[in-house]
Amino acid sequence: MRRPKFPAANLECNVCPRLKAFLAKARQAYPDYYCRPVPAFGDAHPALLIIGLAPGLHGANRTGRPFTGDFAGLLLYQTLYEFGYANRPISVAADDGLKLKRCRITNAVKCVPPQNKPGPAEIAHCNSLLRAELRDLPKDAVILCLGQIAHKAVVKALDLKQKDFPFGHGTLHNLPGRRLYDSYHCSRYNTQTKRLTPAMFKAVFERIQTDMGS
């Protein structure tokens, strides 16, 4: 099995009963899939940390790398390439040669959930891992949350009040000692319904780069 550069706290974690059972079924149905907690991917000292929801069953859960091999990764990696954060515009496999520069990608929940919907207890359990990831970020690094669940997970991990920082696409939140940007998740549903267009997604990255002075 490929050893990740940024491991989760425990690659064999089985604390969440529902996720444990779902992963067990996935291993039986897809014996060649990664089927474990998916670690972060990218630069060890990023200027930008991107946080998604959870691994997709046939995406990160298959490949072992966030947003790799699924529909949501198409817009994300193309955009990262356009803004100089990636050396390639397409991510299809963990060994495809793609590298990130000044950027790291992680998820609020490390294991694939049924129907891509993690429960509150599952989000809460993984929050300790997210808390550690945020604690180890460089002081000037900024955060981009893809979707409301990722946004709320970050607010919780930083011990802030949810009511003080409501999610909103394109919103910048000046948190204590940290800047957080929001975007709708680049999921198939959001992009096909035009809730999130490539132009809207690009605008978020343009604002981030402008604010970072790059």
N, C-alpha and C. Protein backbone atom coordinates (compact mmCIF):
# COMPACT_ATOMS: atom_id res chain seq x y z
N MET A 1 0.84 -1.20 0.00
CA MET A 1 0.00 0.00 0.00
C MET A 1 0.88 1.25 0.00
N ARG A 2 0.51 2.23 -0.79
CA ARG A 2 1.26 3.49 -0.86
C ARG A 2 1.26 4.17 0.50
N ARG A 3 2.44 4.56 0.95
CA ARG A 3 2.55 5.26 2.22
C ARG A 3 2.39 6.76 1.99
N PRO A 4 1.46 7.40 2.64
CA PRO A 4 1.20 8.82 2.40
C PRO A 4 2.28 9.71 3.00
N LYS A 5 2.45 10.88 2.37
CA LYS A 5 3.42 11.85 2.88
C LYS A 5 2.90 12.53 4.13
N PHE A 6 1.59 12.78 4.17
CA PHE A 6 0.98 13.41 5.33
C PHE A 6 -0.06 12.45 5.91
N PRO A 7 0.35 11.51 6.75
CA PRO A 7 -0.60 10.50 7.23
C PRO A 7 -1.65 11.08 8.15
N ALA A 8 -2.81 10.46 8.14
CA ALA A 8 -3.80 10.76 9.17
C ALA A 8 -3.24 10.23 10.48
N ALA A 9 -3.88 10.58 11.59
CA ALA A 9 -3.36 10.16 12.89
C ALA A 9 -3.27 8.64 12.98
N ASN A 10 -4.19 7.95 12.34
CA ASN A 10 -4.19 6.49 12.38
C ASN A 10 -4.82 5.98 11.10
N LEU A 11 -4.02 5.41 10.21
CA LEU A 11 -4.52 4.94 8.93
C LEU A 11 -5.44 3.75 9.07
N GLU A 12 -5.44 3.12 10.22
CA GLU A 12 -6.34 1.99 10.46
C GLU A 12 -7.46 2.38 11.40
N CYS A 13 -7.76 3.67 11.52
CA CYS A 13 -8.79 4.13 12.44
C CYS A 13 -10.13 3.46 12.14
N ASN A 14 -10.79 2.98 13.19
CA ASN A 14 -12.11 2.35 13.02
C ASN A 14 -13.05 2.77 14.15
N VAL A 15 -12.89 4.01 14.60
CA VAL A 15 -13.67 4.52 15.73
C VAL A 15 -15.14 4.70 15.37
N CYS A 16 -15.42 5.13 14.13
CA CYS A 16 -16.80 5.40 13.73
C CYS A 16 -17.44 4.12 13.18
N PRO A 17 -18.40 3.53 13.88
CA PRO A 17 -18.96 2.24 13.46
C PRO A 17 -19.55 2.24 12.05
N ARG A 18 -20.27 3.30 11.70
CA ARG A 18 -20.90 3.35 10.37
C ARG A 18 -19.86 3.42 9.27
N LEU A 19 -18.83 4.24 9.47
CA LEU A 19 -17.79 4.37 8.47
C LEU A 19 -16.95 3.10 8.39
N LYS A 20 -16.71 2.48 9.53
CA LYS A 20 -15.97 1.22 9.55
C LYS A 20 -16.69 0.15 8.73
N ALA A 21 -18.01 0.04 8.92
CA ALA A 21 -18.80 -0.96 8.19
C ALA A 21 -18.83 -0.64 6.70
N PHE A 22 -18.94 0.65 6.37
CA PHE A 22 -19.00 1.03 4.96
C PHE A 22 -17.67 0.74 4.26
N LEU A 23 -16.56 1.02 4.95
CA LEU A 23 -15.25 0.72 4.38
C LEU A 23 -15.04 -0.78 4.21
N ALA A 24 -15.52 -1.57 5.14
CA ALA A 24 -15.40 -3.02 5.04
C ALA A 24 -16.13 -3.54 3.81
N LYS A 25 -17.32 -3.02 3.56
CA LYS A 25 -18.07 -3.42 2.37
C LYS A 25 -17.36 -2.96 1.10
N ALA A 26 -16.78 -1.77 1.15
CA ALA A 26 -16.08 -1.25 -0.02
C ALA A 26 -14.85 -2.09 -0.34
N ARG A 27 -14.15 -2.56 0.69
CA ARG A 27 -12.98 -3.41 0.44
C ARG A 27 -13.38 -4.71 -0.23
N GLN A 28 -14.51 -5.25 0.18
CA GLN A 28 -14.98 -6.48 -0.44
C GLN A 28 -15.41 -6.25 -1.88
N ALA A 29 -16.11 -5.16 -2.12
CA ALA A 29 -16.62 -4.87 -3.46
C ALA A 29 -15.52 -4.39 -4.40
N TYR A 30 -14.54 -3.68 -3.85
CA TYR A 30 -13.47 -3.10 -4.66
C TYR A 30 -12.12 -3.40 -4.02
N PRO A 31 -11.62 -4.61 -4.15
CA PRO A 31 -10.39 -5.01 -3.45
C PRO A 31 -9.15 -4.22 -3.86
N ASP A 32 -9.19 -3.56 -5.00
CA ASP A 32 -8.03 -2.78 -5.45
C ASP A 32 -8.08 -1.33 -4.98
N TYR A 33 -9.16 -0.94 -4.28
CA TYR A 33 -9.29 0.43 -3.81
C TYR A 33 -8.43 0.65 -2.56
N TYR A 34 -8.11 1.92 -2.30
CA TYR A 34 -7.34 2.31 -1.11
C TYR A 34 -8.10 2.00 0.17
N CYS A 35 -9.34 2.47 0.28
CA CYS A 35 -10.25 2.11 1.37
C CYS A 35 -9.67 2.27 2.77
N ARG A 36 -9.15 3.44 3.05
CA ARG A 36 -8.63 3.77 4.37
C ARG A 36 -8.80 5.27 4.59
N PRO A 37 -8.53 5.75 5.79
CA PRO A 37 -8.53 7.21 5.98
C PRO A 37 -7.57 7.86 4.98
N VAL A 38 -8.04 8.85 4.28
CA VAL A 38 -7.23 9.49 3.23
C VAL A 38 -6.47 10.68 3.81
N PRO A 39 -5.15 10.66 3.73
CA PRO A 39 -4.35 11.75 4.29
C PRO A 39 -4.34 12.98 3.40
N ALA A 40 -3.82 14.07 3.93
CA ALA A 40 -3.67 15.29 3.16
C ALA A 40 -2.63 15.09 2.07
N PHE A 41 -2.66 15.99 1.09
CA PHE A 41 -1.74 15.91 -0.05
C PHE A 41 -1.24 17.29 -0.40
N GLY A 42 0.08 17.41 -0.60
CA GLY A 42 0.62 18.67 -1.07
C GLY A 42 1.85 19.14 -0.31
N ASP A 43 2.03 20.44 -0.31
CA ASP A 43 3.21 21.08 0.26
C ASP A 43 3.22 20.96 1.77
N ALA A 44 4.39 20.65 2.32
CA ALA A 44 4.52 20.52 3.77
C ALA A 44 4.34 21.85 4.48
N HIS A 45 4.64 22.95 3.80
CA HIS A 45 4.51 24.29 4.38
C HIS A 45 3.71 25.17 3.42
N PRO A 46 2.41 24.94 3.33
CA PRO A 46 1.61 25.61 2.30
C PRO A 46 1.28 27.06 2.63
N ALA A 47 1.09 27.84 1.57
CA ALA A 47 0.54 29.17 1.73
C ALA A 47 -0.98 29.11 1.70
N LEU A 48 -1.51 28.02 1.11
CA LEU A 48 -2.94 27.82 0.97
C LEU A 48 -3.31 26.40 1.37
N LEU A 49 -4.23 26.28 2.32
CA LEU A 49 -4.77 24.98 2.71
C LEU A 49 -6.21 24.90 2.23
N ILE A 50 -6.51 23.91 1.40
CA ILE A 50 -7.86 23.70 0.89
C ILE A 50 -8.49 22.54 1.63
N ILE A 51 -9.71 22.75 2.11
CA ILE A 51 -10.39 21.73 2.91
C ILE A 51 -11.70 21.36 2.25
N GLY A 52 -11.83 20.07 1.92
CA GLY A 52 -13.05 19.57 1.32
C GLY A 52 -13.91 18.85 2.35
N LEU A 53 -14.87 18.11 1.86
CA LEU A 53 -15.82 17.42 2.72
C LEU A 53 -15.28 16.09 3.20
N ALA A 54 -15.17 15.12 2.29
CA ALA A 54 -14.75 13.76 2.61
C ALA A 54 -14.34 13.07 1.32
N PRO A 55 -13.61 11.95 1.41
CA PRO A 55 -13.25 11.21 0.20
C PRO A 55 -14.49 10.70 -0.54
N GLY A 56 -14.44 10.72 -1.87
CA GLY A 56 -15.50 10.13 -2.66
C GLY A 56 -15.26 8.64 -2.82
N LEU A 57 -16.33 7.88 -2.90
CA LEU A 57 -16.21 6.42 -2.96
C LEU A 57 -15.32 5.96 -4.10
N HIS A 58 -15.52 6.54 -5.28
CA HIS A 58 -14.74 6.12 -6.45
C HIS A 58 -13.66 7.14 -6.82
N GLY A 59 -13.42 8.09 -5.91
CA GLY A 59 -12.37 9.08 -6.12
C GLY A 59 -11.24 8.85 -5.14
N ALA A 60 -11.16 9.68 -4.11
CA ALA A 60 -10.07 9.57 -3.14
C ALA A 60 -10.07 8.23 -2.40
N ASN A 61 -11.24 7.67 -2.16
CA ASN A 61 -11.29 6.36 -1.51
C ASN A 61 -10.70 5.28 -2.40
N ARG A 62 -10.71 5.51 -3.69
CA ARG A 62 -10.12 4.56 -4.64
C ARG A 62 -8.62 4.79 -4.79
N THR A 63 -8.23 6.06 -4.90
CA THR A 63 -6.84 6.39 -5.22
C THR A 63 -5.97 6.67 -4.02
N GLY A 64 -6.57 7.06 -2.90
CA GLY A 64 -5.80 7.40 -1.71
C GLY A 64 -5.28 8.81 -1.69
N ARG A 65 -5.81 9.67 -2.58
CA ARG A 65 -5.37 11.07 -2.62
C ARG A 65 -6.59 11.97 -2.78
N PRO A 66 -6.68 13.06 -2.01
CA PRO A 66 -7.87 13.92 -2.07
C PRO A 66 -8.20 14.41 -3.47
N PHE A 67 -9.49 14.32 -3.83
CA PHE A 67 -10.01 14.85 -5.09
C PHE A 67 -9.34 14.23 -6.32
N THR A 68 -8.81 13.06 -6.18
CA THR A 68 -8.11 12.42 -7.29
C THR A 68 -8.93 11.28 -7.87
N GLY A 69 -9.19 11.37 -9.16
CA GLY A 69 -9.92 10.31 -9.84
C GLY A 69 -11.42 10.45 -9.79
N ASP A 70 -11.93 11.61 -9.37
CA ASP A 70 -13.38 11.80 -9.35
C ASP A 70 -13.76 13.13 -10.01
N PHE A 71 -15.05 13.36 -10.19
CA PHE A 71 -15.53 14.52 -10.91
C PHE A 71 -15.16 15.82 -10.21
N ALA A 72 -15.25 15.84 -8.89
CA ALA A 72 -14.98 17.08 -8.14
C ALA A 72 -13.55 17.56 -8.36
N GLY A 73 -12.64 16.64 -8.64
CA GLY A 73 -11.25 17.02 -8.83
C GLY A 73 -10.99 17.70 -10.16
N LEU A 74 -11.91 17.56 -11.12
CA LEU A 74 -11.67 18.14 -12.44
C LEU A 74 -11.51 19.66 -12.37
N LEU A 75 -12.49 20.33 -11.76
CA LEU A 75 -12.43 21.78 -11.66
C LEU A 75 -11.36 22.22 -10.68
N LEU A 76 -11.21 21.49 -9.57
CA LEU A 76 -10.24 21.89 -8.56
C LEU A 76 -8.81 21.89 -9.11
N TYR A 77 -8.38 20.76 -9.71
CA TYR A 77 -7.00 20.68 -10.15
C TYR A 77 -6.73 21.54 -11.38
N GLN A 78 -7.73 21.70 -12.24
CA GLN A 78 -7.57 22.62 -13.37
C GLN A 78 -7.33 24.04 -12.87
N THR A 79 -8.08 24.44 -11.85
CA THR A 79 -7.93 25.78 -11.29
C THR A 79 -6.60 25.94 -10.57
N LEU A 80 -6.21 24.93 -9.82
CA LEU A 80 -4.91 24.98 -9.14
C LEU A 80 -3.77 25.12 -10.15
N TYR A 81 -3.89 24.43 -11.26
CA TYR A 81 -2.87 24.53 -12.31
C TYR A 81 -2.84 25.94 -12.89
N GLU A 82 -4.01 26.50 -13.17
CA GLU A 82 -4.08 27.84 -13.76
C GLU A 82 -3.48 28.90 -12.85
N PHE A 83 -3.58 28.69 -11.54
CA PHE A 83 -3.07 29.69 -10.60
C PHE A 83 -1.68 29.34 -10.05
N GLY A 84 -1.04 28.36 -10.65
CA GLY A 84 0.35 28.05 -10.31
C GLY A 84 0.55 27.18 -9.08
N TYR A 85 -0.52 26.56 -8.59
CA TYR A 85 -0.39 25.71 -7.42
C TYR A 85 -0.12 24.24 -7.76
N ALA A 86 -0.28 23.87 -9.02
CA ALA A 86 -0.08 22.49 -9.43
C ALA A 86 0.73 22.44 -10.72
N ASN A 87 1.47 21.37 -10.91
CA ASN A 87 2.28 21.24 -12.12
C ASN A 87 1.52 20.57 -13.27
N ARG A 88 0.29 20.08 -12.97
CA ARG A 88 -0.53 19.45 -13.99
C ARG A 88 -1.99 19.83 -13.77
N PRO A 89 -2.81 19.88 -14.83
CA PRO A 89 -4.20 20.28 -14.66
C PRO A 89 -5.16 19.13 -14.37
N ILE A 90 -4.67 17.89 -14.41
CA ILE A 90 -5.53 16.72 -14.24
C ILE A 90 -4.93 15.79 -13.20
N SER A 91 -5.79 15.25 -12.35
CA SER A 91 -5.36 14.31 -11.32
C SER A 91 -6.16 13.02 -11.48
N VAL A 92 -5.48 11.94 -11.84
CA VAL A 92 -6.18 10.68 -12.11
C VAL A 92 -5.75 9.54 -11.19
N ALA A 93 -4.54 9.61 -10.65
CA ALA A 93 -4.03 8.53 -9.79
C ALA A 93 -2.96 9.09 -8.86
N ALA A 94 -2.72 8.40 -7.77
CA ALA A 94 -1.77 8.89 -6.77
C ALA A 94 -0.34 8.91 -7.29
N ASP A 95 -0.07 8.15 -8.35
CA ASP A 95 1.29 8.09 -8.89
C ASP A 95 1.37 8.72 -10.28
N ASP A 96 0.51 9.69 -10.55
CA ASP A 96 0.46 10.29 -11.89
C ASP A 96 1.44 11.43 -12.09
N GLY A 97 2.26 11.72 -11.09
CA GLY A 97 3.27 12.76 -11.22
C GLY A 97 2.81 14.15 -10.85
N LEU A 98 1.55 14.29 -10.46
CA LEU A 98 1.06 15.61 -10.07
C LEU A 98 1.68 16.06 -8.75
N LYS A 99 2.10 17.30 -8.70
CA LYS A 99 2.67 17.87 -7.48
C LYS A 99 2.02 19.23 -7.22
N LEU A 100 1.86 19.54 -5.95
CA LEU A 100 1.33 20.83 -5.56
C LEU A 100 2.44 21.73 -5.04
N LYS A 101 2.32 23.02 -5.32
CA LYS A 101 3.30 24.00 -4.87
C LYS A 101 2.61 25.05 -4.02
N ARG A 102 3.07 25.25 -2.81
CA ARG A 102 2.52 26.24 -1.87
C ARG A 102 1.06 25.94 -1.52
N CYS A 103 0.63 24.71 -1.71
CA CYS A 103 -0.77 24.35 -1.48
C CYS A 103 -0.85 22.94 -0.91
N ARG A 104 -1.81 22.74 -0.04
CA ARG A 104 -2.09 21.40 0.49
C ARG A 104 -3.61 21.21 0.52
N ILE A 105 -4.04 19.98 0.29
CA ILE A 105 -5.47 19.66 0.27
C ILE A 105 -5.76 18.59 1.31
N THR A 106 -6.82 18.79 2.06
CA THR A 106 -7.24 17.82 3.06
C THR A 106 -8.77 17.79 3.07
N ASN A 107 -9.34 16.96 3.95
CA ASN A 107 -10.79 16.87 4.09
C ASN A 107 -11.20 16.98 5.55
N ALA A 108 -12.41 17.46 5.77
CA ALA A 108 -12.94 17.55 7.13
C ALA A 108 -13.14 16.17 7.73
N VAL A 109 -13.50 15.20 6.89
CA VAL A 109 -13.68 13.80 7.31
C VAL A 109 -12.75 12.95 6.46
N LYS A 110 -11.99 12.07 7.09
CA LYS A 110 -10.94 11.35 6.38
C LYS A 110 -11.41 10.07 5.70
N CYS A 111 -12.52 9.49 6.15
CA CYS A 111 -13.03 8.25 5.56
C CYS A 111 -14.26 8.52 4.71
N VAL A 112 -14.44 7.73 3.67
CA VAL A 112 -15.60 7.90 2.80
C VAL A 112 -16.88 7.56 3.57
N PRO A 113 -17.88 8.45 3.55
CA PRO A 113 -19.16 8.17 4.21
C PRO A 113 -20.20 7.68 3.20
N PRO A 114 -21.17 6.92 3.64
CA PRO A 114 -22.26 6.52 2.74
C PRO A 114 -22.96 7.74 2.16
N GLN A 115 -23.21 7.69 0.85
CA GLN A 115 -23.90 8.77 0.13
C GLN A 115 -23.19 10.12 0.29
N ASN A 116 -21.92 10.06 0.62
CA ASN A 116 -21.11 11.27 0.78
C ASN A 116 -21.66 12.21 1.85
N LYS A 117 -22.30 11.63 2.87
CA LYS A 117 -22.90 12.43 3.93
C LYS A 117 -22.42 11.95 5.30
N PRO A 118 -21.36 12.55 5.83
CA PRO A 118 -20.90 12.17 7.17
C PRO A 118 -21.87 12.64 8.24
N GLY A 119 -21.98 11.88 9.32
CA GLY A 119 -22.84 12.27 10.43
C GLY A 119 -22.13 13.20 11.38
N PRO A 120 -22.88 13.87 12.27
CA PRO A 120 -22.28 14.81 13.22
C PRO A 120 -21.18 14.20 14.08
N ALA A 121 -21.39 12.97 14.56
CA ALA A 121 -20.38 12.32 15.41
C ALA A 121 -19.12 12.03 14.61
N GLU A 122 -19.27 11.68 13.33
CA GLU A 122 -18.11 11.38 12.48
C GLU A 122 -17.31 12.64 12.19
N ILE A 123 -18.02 13.72 11.94
CA ILE A 123 -17.35 15.00 11.73
C ILE A 123 -16.61 15.43 12.99
N ALA A 124 -17.26 15.23 14.14
CA ALA A 124 -16.66 15.62 15.42
C ALA A 124 -15.41 14.80 15.71
N HIS A 125 -15.45 13.51 15.40
CA HIS A 125 -14.28 12.68 15.68
C HIS A 125 -13.08 13.12 14.84
N CYS A 126 -13.30 13.38 13.55
CA CYS A 126 -12.21 13.80 12.68
C CYS A 126 -11.74 15.22 12.97
N ASN A 127 -12.51 15.96 13.74
CA ASN A 127 -12.15 17.35 14.00
C ASN A 127 -10.83 17.48 14.74
N SER A 128 -10.49 16.47 15.53
CA SER A 128 -9.20 16.52 16.23
C SER A 128 -8.04 16.47 15.24
N LEU A 129 -8.22 15.73 14.14
CA LEU A 129 -7.19 15.67 13.11
C LEU A 129 -7.08 17.01 12.38
N LEU A 130 -8.22 17.60 12.09
CA LEU A 130 -8.22 18.90 11.43
C LEU A 130 -7.61 19.96 12.34
N ARG A 131 -7.90 19.87 13.61
CA ARG A 131 -7.33 20.81 14.57
C ARG A 131 -5.80 20.75 14.54
N ALA A 132 -5.26 19.54 14.46
CA ALA A 132 -3.81 19.37 14.40
C ALA A 132 -3.24 19.93 13.10
N GLU A 133 -3.95 19.72 11.99
CA GLU A 133 -3.50 20.24 10.71
C GLU A 133 -3.47 21.77 10.72
N LEU A 134 -4.48 22.37 11.31
CA LEU A 134 -4.53 23.83 11.38
C LEU A 134 -3.45 24.38 12.32
N ARG A 135 -3.22 23.67 13.39
CA ARG A 135 -2.20 24.12 14.35
C ARG A 135 -0.81 24.14 13.72
N ASP A 136 -0.56 23.21 12.79
CA ASP A 136 0.76 23.10 12.18
C ASP A 136 0.94 23.96 10.94
N LEU A 137 -0.09 24.71 10.56
CA LEU A 137 0.02 25.57 9.38
C LEU A 137 0.98 26.73 9.63
N PRO A 138 1.72 27.17 8.61
CA PRO A 138 2.49 28.40 8.75
C PRO A 138 1.57 29.56 9.14
N LYS A 139 2.10 30.51 9.89
CA LYS A 139 1.27 31.58 10.44
C LYS A 139 0.60 32.42 9.36
N ASP A 140 1.23 32.56 8.19
CA ASP A 140 0.66 33.41 7.15
C ASP A 140 -0.16 32.63 6.14
N ALA A 141 -0.36 31.35 6.35
CA ALA A 141 -1.14 30.53 5.42
C ALA A 141 -2.62 30.88 5.54
N VAL A 142 -3.33 30.80 4.40
CA VAL A 142 -4.76 31.05 4.39
C VAL A 142 -5.50 29.74 4.12
N ILE A 143 -6.79 29.74 4.43
CA ILE A 143 -7.61 28.53 4.34
C ILE A 143 -8.73 28.77 3.34
N LEU A 144 -8.98 27.78 2.50
CA LEU A 144 -10.12 27.81 1.60
C LEU A 144 -11.00 26.60 1.90
N CYS A 145 -12.24 26.86 2.32
CA CYS A 145 -13.18 25.78 2.63
C CYS A 145 -14.12 25.57 1.45
N LEU A 146 -14.22 24.33 1.02
CA LEU A 146 -15.12 23.96 -0.06
C LEU A 146 -16.39 23.39 0.54
N GLY A 147 -17.38 24.23 0.70
CA GLY A 147 -18.66 23.80 1.24
C GLY A 147 -18.84 24.12 2.71
N GLN A 148 -20.10 24.04 3.13
CA GLN A 148 -20.46 24.44 4.49
C GLN A 148 -19.93 23.49 5.56
N ILE A 149 -19.90 22.20 5.28
CA ILE A 149 -19.42 21.26 6.30
C ILE A 149 -17.95 21.52 6.60
N ALA A 150 -17.15 21.72 5.56
CA ALA A 150 -15.74 22.03 5.78
C ALA A 150 -15.59 23.34 6.55
N HIS A 151 -16.39 24.33 6.17
CA HIS A 151 -16.35 25.62 6.86
C HIS A 151 -16.65 25.46 8.35
N LYS A 152 -17.73 24.78 8.66
CA LYS A 152 -18.10 24.60 10.07
C LYS A 152 -17.05 23.79 10.83
N ALA A 153 -16.44 22.83 10.16
CA ALA A 153 -15.40 22.02 10.81
C ALA A 153 -14.21 22.88 11.20
N VAL A 154 -13.85 23.83 10.34
CA VAL A 154 -12.72 24.71 10.66
C VAL A 154 -13.08 25.63 11.82
N VAL A 155 -14.27 26.20 11.80
CA VAL A 155 -14.69 27.08 12.89
C VAL A 155 -14.67 26.32 14.22
N LYS A 156 -15.15 25.09 14.19
CA LYS A 156 -15.15 24.26 15.39
C LYS A 156 -13.73 23.95 15.85
N ALA A 157 -12.87 23.60 14.89
CA ALA A 157 -11.48 23.23 15.24
C ALA A 157 -10.72 24.40 15.85
N LEU A 158 -11.13 25.61 15.51
CA LEU A 158 -10.47 26.81 16.06
C LEU A 158 -11.18 27.35 17.29
N ASP A 159 -12.17 26.58 17.78
CA ASP A 159 -12.90 26.94 19.01
C ASP A 159 -13.59 28.29 18.90
N LEU A 160 -14.17 28.54 17.73
CA LEU A 160 -14.90 29.78 17.49
C LEU A 160 -16.41 29.49 17.44
N LYS A 161 -17.22 30.54 17.52
CA LYS A 161 -18.66 30.37 17.49
C LYS A 161 -19.18 30.38 16.06
N GLN A 162 -20.00 29.37 15.73
CA GLN A 162 -20.51 29.25 14.37
C GLN A 162 -21.31 30.49 13.96
N LYS A 163 -22.08 31.05 14.88
CA LYS A 163 -22.94 32.19 14.53
C LYS A 163 -22.15 33.43 14.13
N ASP A 164 -20.90 33.48 14.57
CA ASP A 164 -20.07 34.64 14.27
C ASP A 164 -19.45 34.57 12.87
N PHE A 165 -19.45 33.37 12.28
CA PHE A 165 -18.79 33.19 10.99
C PHE A 165 -19.65 32.31 10.07
N PRO A 166 -20.76 32.83 9.55
CA PRO A 166 -21.64 32.06 8.68
C PRO A 166 -21.00 31.80 7.32
N PHE A 167 -21.25 30.63 6.79
CA PHE A 167 -20.73 30.27 5.47
C PHE A 167 -21.37 31.11 4.38
N GLY A 168 -20.56 31.48 3.39
CA GLY A 168 -21.09 32.20 2.23
C GLY A 168 -20.10 32.13 1.09
N HIS A 169 -20.55 31.71 -0.06
CA HIS A 169 -19.64 31.61 -1.20
C HIS A 169 -18.97 32.96 -1.48
N GLY A 170 -17.64 32.91 -1.64
CA GLY A 170 -16.88 34.11 -1.93
C GLY A 170 -16.59 34.99 -0.73
N THR A 171 -17.00 34.52 0.45
CA THR A 171 -16.82 35.32 1.67
C THR A 171 -15.42 35.14 2.24
N LEU A 172 -14.85 36.22 2.72
CA LEU A 172 -13.60 36.19 3.49
C LEU A 172 -13.93 36.40 4.96
N HIS A 173 -13.46 35.49 5.79
CA HIS A 173 -13.62 35.62 7.24
C HIS A 173 -12.26 35.91 7.85
N ASN A 174 -12.16 37.02 8.55
CA ASN A 174 -10.93 37.33 9.27
C ASN A 174 -11.03 36.72 10.66
N LEU A 175 -10.52 35.51 10.78
CA LEU A 175 -10.52 34.82 12.06
C LEU A 175 -9.35 35.31 12.90
N PRO A 176 -9.36 35.03 14.18
CA PRO A 176 -8.21 35.40 15.01
C PRO A 176 -6.92 34.76 14.50
N GLY A 177 -6.05 35.57 13.92
CA GLY A 177 -4.77 35.08 13.45
C GLY A 177 -4.81 34.30 12.16
N ARG A 178 -5.94 34.28 11.47
CA ARG A 178 -6.04 33.45 10.26
C ARG A 178 -7.13 34.00 9.33
N ARG A 179 -6.91 33.90 8.02
CA ARG A 179 -7.93 34.27 7.04
C ARG A 179 -8.55 33.01 6.43
N LEU A 180 -9.87 32.99 6.35
CA LEU A 180 -10.61 31.86 5.82
C LEU A 180 -11.51 32.32 4.68
N TYR A 181 -11.41 31.65 3.55
CA TYR A 181 -12.25 31.94 2.39
C TYR A 181 -13.22 30.78 2.18
N ASP A 182 -14.41 31.11 1.70
CA ASP A 182 -15.43 30.09 1.43
C ASP A 182 -15.71 29.99 -0.07
N SER A 183 -15.99 28.77 -0.49
CA SER A 183 -16.50 28.53 -1.83
C SER A 183 -17.49 27.38 -1.77
N TYR A 184 -18.47 27.40 -2.67
CA TYR A 184 -19.28 26.21 -2.83
C TYR A 184 -18.35 25.05 -3.22
N HIS A 185 -18.73 23.86 -2.81
CA HIS A 185 -17.94 22.68 -3.15
C HIS A 185 -18.00 22.44 -4.66
N CYS A 186 -16.87 22.01 -5.23
CA CYS A 186 -16.80 21.76 -6.67
C CYS A 186 -17.32 20.37 -7.02
N SER A 187 -18.43 19.99 -6.46
CA SER A 187 -19.04 18.69 -6.70
C SER A 187 -19.73 18.65 -8.06
N ARG A 188 -20.03 17.46 -8.52
CA ARG A 188 -20.74 17.30 -9.78
C ARG A 188 -22.10 18.04 -9.74
N TYR A 189 -22.82 17.88 -8.62
CA TYR A 189 -24.13 18.51 -8.50
C TYR A 189 -24.01 20.02 -8.62
N ASN A 190 -23.08 20.62 -7.88
CA ASN A 190 -22.96 22.08 -7.89
C ASN A 190 -22.52 22.63 -9.24
N THR A 191 -21.61 21.93 -9.91
CA THR A 191 -21.13 22.44 -11.19
C THR A 191 -22.13 22.20 -12.31
N GLN A 192 -22.82 21.07 -12.29
CA GLN A 192 -23.78 20.79 -13.36
C GLN A 192 -25.05 21.64 -13.24
N THR A 193 -25.40 22.01 -12.01
CA THR A 193 -26.57 22.88 -11.82
C THR A 193 -26.20 24.35 -11.92
N LYS A 194 -24.92 24.64 -12.14
CA LYS A 194 -24.41 26.01 -12.26
C LYS A 194 -24.47 26.78 -10.94
N ARG A 195 -24.69 26.07 -9.85
CA ARG A 195 -24.56 26.76 -8.57
C ARG A 195 -23.14 27.27 -8.41
N LEU A 196 -22.20 26.48 -8.94
CA LEU A 196 -20.80 26.91 -8.97
C LEU A 196 -20.31 26.78 -10.40
N THR A 197 -19.90 27.88 -10.99
CA THR A 197 -19.35 27.86 -12.34
C THR A 197 -17.83 28.01 -12.26
N PRO A 198 -17.12 27.62 -13.32
CA PRO A 198 -15.67 27.83 -13.33
C PRO A 198 -15.28 29.29 -13.06
N ALA A 199 -16.07 30.21 -13.60
CA ALA A 199 -15.77 31.63 -13.38
C ALA A 199 -15.92 32.01 -11.91
N MET A 200 -16.95 31.49 -11.26
CA MET A 200 -17.15 31.77 -9.84
C MET A 200 -16.00 31.20 -9.01
N PHE A 201 -15.58 30.00 -9.35
CA PHE A 201 -14.49 29.35 -8.62
C PHE A 201 -13.18 30.11 -8.83
N LYS A 202 -12.95 30.49 -10.07
CA LYS A 202 -11.74 31.24 -10.40
C LYS A 202 -11.70 32.57 -9.66
N ALA A 203 -12.86 33.20 -9.50
CA ALA A 203 -12.92 34.49 -8.81
C ALA A 203 -12.47 34.37 -7.36
N VAL A 204 -12.79 33.25 -6.72
CA VAL A 204 -12.35 33.03 -5.35
C VAL A 204 -10.82 32.97 -5.29
N PHE A 205 -10.22 32.24 -6.22
CA PHE A 205 -8.76 32.14 -6.25
C PHE A 205 -8.11 33.47 -6.61
N GLU A 206 -8.75 34.24 -7.48
CA GLU A 206 -8.21 35.56 -7.81
C GLU A 206 -8.18 36.45 -6.58
N ARG A 207 -9.22 36.39 -5.77
CA ARG A 207 -9.25 37.20 -4.56
C ARG A 207 -8.18 36.74 -3.58
N ILE A 208 -8.01 35.42 -3.46
CA ILE A 208 -7.00 34.91 -2.55
C ILE A 208 -5.62 35.39 -2.98
N GLN A 209 -5.31 35.28 -4.25
CA GLN A 209 -3.98 35.69 -4.71
C GLN A 209 -3.79 37.20 -4.58
N THR A 210 -4.84 37.96 -4.81
CA THR A 210 -4.74 39.41 -4.63
C THR A 210 -4.46 39.75 -3.18
N ASP A 211 -5.18 39.10 -2.28
CA ASP A 211 -5.00 39.37 -0.85
C ASP A 211 -3.63 38.91 -0.36
N MET A 212 -3.10 37.85 -1.00
CA MET A 212 -1.79 37.35 -0.61
C MET A 212 -0.67 38.17 -1.24
N GLY A 213 -1.04 39.04 -2.17
CA GLY A 213 -0.04 39.90 -2.81
C GLY A 213 0.80 39.19 -3.82
N SER A 214 0.24 38.10 -4.42
CA SER A 214 1.00 37.36 -5.42
C SER A 214 0.40 37.51 -6.80
